[in-house]
Amino acid sequence: MRLSIIIVNYKTPALLKLCIKSIQNSSLSIPSEIIAINSATDEESEELIRFDFPEVTFFGFKENVGYAKAVNAGIKKSKGDFILILNPDIIVTEGSIKKMLEFMEENPQVGILAPQLINFNGTPQNSCFRFYKPLTILYRRTIFKHLPFAKRALDEFLIKDYDYKTPRDVDWVMGSAMMVTRAALKTIGLMDERFFMYFEDVDWCRRFWQAGLRVVYFPYAKMYHYHQRLSATHQGVLGIFNKATRIHISSAVKYFQKYGLKEL
């Protein structure tokens, strides 16, 4: 099989339905499969697949096992030479998957390829980045972000010197939509399940680079993304009361424990 599409869903059946429909409407005329992995399975999502999309493979965890473990479960069940990992809040545009497949086939040194994620008004989202530094997190979550030196650091993190119009090698891409090759996974391995949520994509991209495989942002393929930064609901001191923020910070600590406090 040429392509496996894995959608990791967590209590968003309406978005899952839209995502699957967009894939089916994207003129994807190649041997492929869709696998929906449900974390903390809800009856509505399970029935949606059973009755509306019987051709989709469904697997559900009773508990919320985290993003990395859910992705890994999907990969283990998949058969495709190429694997496209999606969040359910992605709307695939016509021809986008085909363009990504063709690019990866023509560029075997690309290990991870990410489409341009766009808002529903057509503007690009920030979905490719330079690697985190410990101070990056501090600047993003405190009033320091308004100071000139912090703004320069954040502009560098967000690759603001890039026009987002042509393909480019980047440090890491957002895990909401990324394509990998099965051949590369034999060397790199699966996502690190120590990351419950957040930083699993940063870690994976870093491991691909360490193995000599490129991570590429590919704006010729575009996908709509209903992006809600849960960890940004509260900023500053109030942020510690936000569960998503606490998980994000916990994952950041694990990341820097793994790679060290480099380039402060």
Protein backbone atom coordinates (compact mmCIF):
# COMPACT_ATOMS: atom_id res chain seq x y z
CA MET A 1 0.00 0.00 0.00
CA ARG A 2 1.30 3.43 -0.89
CA LEU A 3 -0.24 5.65 1.81
CA SER A 4 -1.68 5.38 5.31
CA ILE A 5 -3.49 8.37 6.80
CA ILE A 6 -3.67 8.39 10.60
CA ILE A 7 -6.06 10.75 12.37
CA VAL A 8 -5.69 11.09 16.13
CA ASN A 9 -8.99 12.13 17.67
CA TYR A 10 -9.89 13.19 21.19
CA LYS A 11 -13.57 13.92 21.76
CA THR A 12 -14.09 15.93 18.56
CA PRO A 13 -16.41 13.79 16.39
CA ALA A 14 -17.70 16.75 14.37
CA LEU A 15 -14.16 17.75 13.38
CA LEU A 16 -13.23 14.13 12.70
CA LYS A 17 -16.14 13.85 10.25
CA LEU A 18 -15.08 17.00 8.39
CA CYS A 19 -11.48 15.82 8.25
CA ILE A 20 -12.37 12.42 6.77
CA LYS A 21 -14.73 13.98 4.23
CA SER A 22 -12.01 16.41 3.13
CA ILE A 23 -9.62 13.50 2.56
CA GLN A 24 -12.22 11.65 0.52
CA ASN A 25 -12.86 14.80 -1.55
CA SER A 26 -9.18 15.54 -2.18
CA SER A 27 -8.88 13.58 -5.45
CA LEU A 28 -6.63 10.97 -3.85
CA SER A 29 -6.62 8.23 -6.48
CA ILE A 30 -3.94 5.95 -5.00
CA PRO A 31 -4.03 2.82 -2.83
CA SER A 32 -4.52 4.20 0.66
CA GLU A 33 -6.11 3.60 4.02
CA ILE A 34 -7.50 5.86 6.75
CA ILE A 35 -7.00 4.91 10.38
CA ALA A 36 -8.81 6.82 13.13
CA ILE A 37 -7.21 6.47 16.55
CA ASN A 38 -9.49 7.62 19.34
CA SER A 39 -8.10 8.55 22.74
CA ALA A 40 -10.63 8.27 25.58
CA THR A 41 -13.15 6.77 23.18
CA ASP A 42 -16.59 8.34 23.12
CA GLU A 43 -19.65 6.61 21.73
CA GLU A 44 -20.37 9.35 19.19
CA SER A 45 -16.96 9.07 17.51
CA GLU A 46 -17.13 5.27 17.41
CA GLU A 47 -20.62 5.27 15.89
CA LEU A 48 -19.59 7.94 13.40
CA ILE A 49 -16.91 5.66 11.97
CA ARG A 50 -19.05 2.52 12.13
CA PHE A 51 -22.06 3.98 10.31
CA ASP A 52 -20.76 6.91 8.23
CA PHE A 53 -17.28 5.68 7.32
CA PRO A 54 -17.20 1.88 7.49
CA GLU A 55 -14.15 1.85 5.21
CA VAL A 56 -12.12 3.66 7.91
CA THR A 57 -10.22 1.52 10.41
CA PHE A 58 -11.15 2.55 13.96
CA PHE A 59 -9.19 1.86 17.12
CA GLY A 60 -10.08 3.32 20.48
CA PHE A 61 -8.33 3.63 23.82
CA LYS A 62 -10.55 3.71 26.88
CA GLU A 63 -8.35 6.34 28.51
CA ASN A 64 -6.66 9.46 27.23
CA VAL A 65 -3.23 7.98 26.48
CA GLY A 66 -1.68 11.11 25.03
CA TYR A 67 -0.82 12.12 21.50
CA ALA A 68 2.44 10.24 20.98
CA LYS A 69 1.06 6.89 22.11
CA ALA A 70 -2.01 7.31 19.92
CA VAL A 71 0.12 8.16 16.87
CA ASN A 72 2.35 5.17 17.53
CA ALA A 73 -0.68 2.88 17.75
CA GLY A 74 -1.81 4.13 14.36
CA ILE A 75 1.62 3.61 12.81
CA LYS A 76 1.76 0.04 14.15
CA LYS A 77 -1.59 -0.71 12.49
CA SER A 78 -0.72 1.00 9.21
CA LYS A 79 0.56 -0.62 6.02
CA GLY A 80 1.54 2.30 3.78
CA ASP A 81 5.01 3.14 2.53
CA PHE A 82 4.18 6.76 3.38
CA ILE A 83 2.31 7.83 6.51
CA LEU A 84 0.35 11.08 6.82
CA ILE A 85 -0.45 12.02 10.42
CA LEU A 86 -3.31 14.46 10.94
CA ASN A 87 -5.20 16.09 13.75
CA PRO A 88 -8.99 16.00 13.27
CA ASP A 89 -9.06 19.81 13.04
CA ILE A 90 -7.34 19.64 9.63
CA ILE A 91 -9.24 20.16 6.37
CA VAL A 92 -7.30 18.67 3.47
CA THR A 93 -7.41 20.66 0.23
CA GLU A 94 -7.70 19.07 -3.18
CA GLY A 95 -4.40 17.77 -4.52
CA SER A 96 -2.40 18.58 -1.37
CA ILE A 97 -1.67 14.98 -0.39
CA LYS A 98 -0.67 14.08 -3.95
CA LYS A 99 1.79 16.99 -4.06
CA MET A 100 3.36 15.88 -0.79
CA LEU A 101 3.73 12.28 -1.96
CA GLU A 102 5.36 13.34 -5.22
CA PHE A 103 7.80 15.62 -3.40
CA MET A 104 8.84 12.90 -0.95
CA GLU A 105 9.30 10.37 -3.72
CA GLU A 106 11.51 12.81 -5.63
CA ASN A 107 13.50 13.73 -2.49
CA PRO A 108 14.40 10.55 -0.56
CA GLN A 109 16.51 12.48 1.97
CA VAL A 110 13.34 14.15 3.29
CA GLY A 111 12.19 12.31 6.40
CA ILE A 112 9.36 14.62 7.45
CA LEU A 113 7.30 16.83 5.17
CA ALA A 114 4.71 19.30 6.46
CA PRO A 115 2.12 21.23 4.44
CA GLN A 116 1.41 24.89 4.97
CA LEU A 117 -1.32 25.22 7.57
CA ILE A 118 -3.66 28.09 6.85
CA ASN A 119 -6.48 29.89 8.60
CA PHE A 120 -9.92 29.87 7.03
CA ASN A 121 -9.27 33.34 5.63
CA GLY A 122 -6.31 31.94 3.71
CA THR A 123 -3.53 33.43 5.83
CA PRO A 124 -0.66 31.13 6.87
CA GLN A 125 -0.30 29.97 10.45
CA ASN A 126 2.97 29.65 12.31
CA SER A 127 3.64 25.93 11.90
CA CYS A 128 7.40 25.70 11.28
CA PHE A 129 10.02 26.78 13.75
CA ARG A 130 13.62 26.85 14.89
CA PHE A 131 14.40 24.67 17.87
CA TYR A 132 13.32 25.82 21.32
CA LYS A 133 15.72 27.37 23.74
CA PRO A 134 14.76 27.49 27.43
CA LEU A 135 14.35 31.26 27.25
CA THR A 136 11.97 30.92 24.31
CA ILE A 137 9.32 29.47 26.60
CA LEU A 138 9.89 32.17 29.22
CA TYR A 139 9.56 34.92 26.63
CA ARG A 140 6.37 33.46 25.12
CA ARG A 141 4.59 33.11 28.46
CA THR A 142 5.52 36.30 30.32
CA ILE A 143 5.49 40.05 29.88
CA PHE A 144 9.10 39.79 28.69
CA LYS A 145 7.76 39.03 25.21
CA HIS A 146 7.11 42.75 24.71
CA LEU A 147 10.76 43.70 25.27
CA PRO A 148 12.97 44.22 22.20
CA PHE A 149 15.49 41.45 22.98
CA ALA A 150 12.68 38.95 23.62
CA LYS A 151 10.85 39.97 20.45
CA ARG A 152 14.03 39.38 18.43
CA ALA A 153 14.40 35.92 19.98
CA LEU A 154 10.76 35.06 19.26
CA ASP A 155 11.04 36.30 15.68
CA GLU A 156 14.00 33.96 15.25
CA PHE A 157 12.05 31.06 16.79
CA LEU A 158 9.12 31.73 14.44
CA ILE A 159 11.46 32.07 11.41
CA LYS A 160 10.09 35.53 10.66
CA ASP A 161 12.84 36.02 8.07
CA TYR A 162 11.05 33.47 5.84
CA ASP A 163 8.26 34.35 3.38
CA TYR A 164 6.49 30.93 3.62
CA LYS A 165 6.18 30.75 -0.17
CA THR A 166 8.78 28.15 -1.19
CA PRO A 167 9.82 24.83 0.39
CA ARG A 168 12.44 25.18 3.08
CA ASP A 169 14.36 22.98 5.50
CA VAL A 170 13.33 23.88 9.06
CA ASP A 171 14.24 22.63 12.52
CA TRP A 172 10.78 21.32 13.32
CA VAL A 173 7.19 21.40 12.16
CA MET A 174 3.91 21.25 14.03
CA GLY A 175 2.61 17.70 14.42
CA SER A 176 -0.92 18.65 13.35
CA ALA A 177 -0.08 17.54 9.80
CA MET A 178 3.11 15.76 8.78
CA MET A 179 4.11 13.03 6.35
CA VAL A 180 6.86 10.51 7.08
CA THR A 181 8.24 7.45 5.32
CA ARG A 182 8.06 3.97 6.75
CA ALA A 183 11.64 3.40 5.63
CA ALA A 184 12.80 6.30 7.80
CA LEU A 185 10.91 5.01 10.83
CA LYS A 186 12.93 1.81 10.70
CA THR A 187 15.93 3.98 11.59
CA ILE A 188 14.36 6.75 13.67
CA GLY A 189 11.73 4.81 15.59
CA LEU A 190 8.31 5.91 16.79
CA MET A 191 7.38 9.02 18.78
CA ASP A 192 8.73 9.20 22.31
CA GLU A 193 5.78 8.32 24.54
CA ARG A 194 7.31 10.09 27.52
CA PHE A 195 5.75 13.20 25.96
CA PHE A 196 2.05 12.95 26.79
CA MET A 197 1.23 16.02 24.72
CA TYR A 198 3.44 18.78 23.26
CA PHE A 199 7.11 18.50 22.27
CA GLU A 200 6.66 15.02 20.78
CA ASP A 201 6.83 16.67 17.35
CA VAL A 202 9.88 18.77 18.30
CA ASP A 203 11.65 15.68 19.63
CA TRP A 204 10.78 13.59 16.56
CA CYS A 205 12.03 16.24 14.14
CA ARG A 206 15.25 16.56 16.11
CA ARG A 207 15.80 12.80 15.91
CA PHE A 208 15.22 12.87 12.14
CA TRP A 209 17.85 15.59 11.76
CA GLN A 210 20.28 13.66 13.97
CA ALA A 211 19.88 10.69 11.61
CA GLY A 212 20.71 12.86 8.60
CA LEU A 213 17.15 13.17 7.28
CA ARG A 214 15.64 16.51 6.36
CA VAL A 215 12.55 18.14 7.83
CA VAL A 216 10.87 20.29 5.18
CA TYR A 217 8.09 22.85 5.29
CA PHE A 218 6.17 22.54 2.01
CA PRO A 219 3.86 25.48 1.24
CA TYR A 220 2.89 24.12 -2.19
CA ALA A 221 0.50 21.86 -0.27
CA LYS A 222 -2.00 23.72 1.90
CA MET A 223 -4.38 22.47 4.56
CA TYR A 224 -6.86 24.42 6.65
CA HIS A 225 -6.31 24.17 10.38
CA TYR A 226 -8.75 25.09 13.10
CA HIS A 227 -5.96 25.87 15.53
CA GLN A 228 -6.73 26.64 19.14
CA ARG A 229 -3.71 26.96 21.40
CA LEU A 230 -5.13 25.48 24.59
CA SER A 231 -1.91 26.17 26.43
CA ALA A 232 -2.27 29.86 25.62
CA THR A 233 -5.70 30.31 27.21
CA HIS A 234 -4.04 32.13 30.09
CA GLN A 235 -0.73 33.92 30.02
CA GLY A 236 1.75 34.79 32.71
CA VAL A 237 1.18 33.66 36.30
CA LEU A 238 -2.44 32.66 35.60
CA GLY A 239 -1.17 30.17 33.04
CA ILE A 240 -0.08 27.67 35.68
CA PHE A 241 -3.77 27.10 36.50
CA ASN A 242 -4.40 25.96 32.93
CA LYS A 243 -3.98 22.17 32.62
CA ALA A 244 -2.72 22.40 29.03
CA THR A 245 -0.09 24.92 30.10
CA ARG A 246 1.12 22.67 32.90
CA ILE A 247 1.39 19.75 30.45
CA HIS A 248 3.28 21.96 28.00
CA ILE A 249 5.79 23.04 30.64
CA SER A 250 6.17 19.46 31.88
CA SER A 251 6.94 18.31 28.33
CA ALA A 252 9.43 21.16 27.92
CA VAL A 253 11.25 20.03 31.06
CA LYS A 254 11.44 16.46 29.69
CA TYR A 255 12.71 17.79 26.37
CA PHE A 256 15.54 19.81 27.92
CA GLN A 257 16.41 16.96 30.27
CA LYS A 258 16.79 14.79 27.17
CA TYR A 259 18.88 17.23 25.12
CA GLY A 260 20.40 19.49 27.73
CA LEU A 261 20.11 23.21 28.32
CA LYS A 262 21.82 24.21 25.09
CA GLU A 263 22.14 27.68 23.64
CA LEU A 264 20.59 29.54 26.52
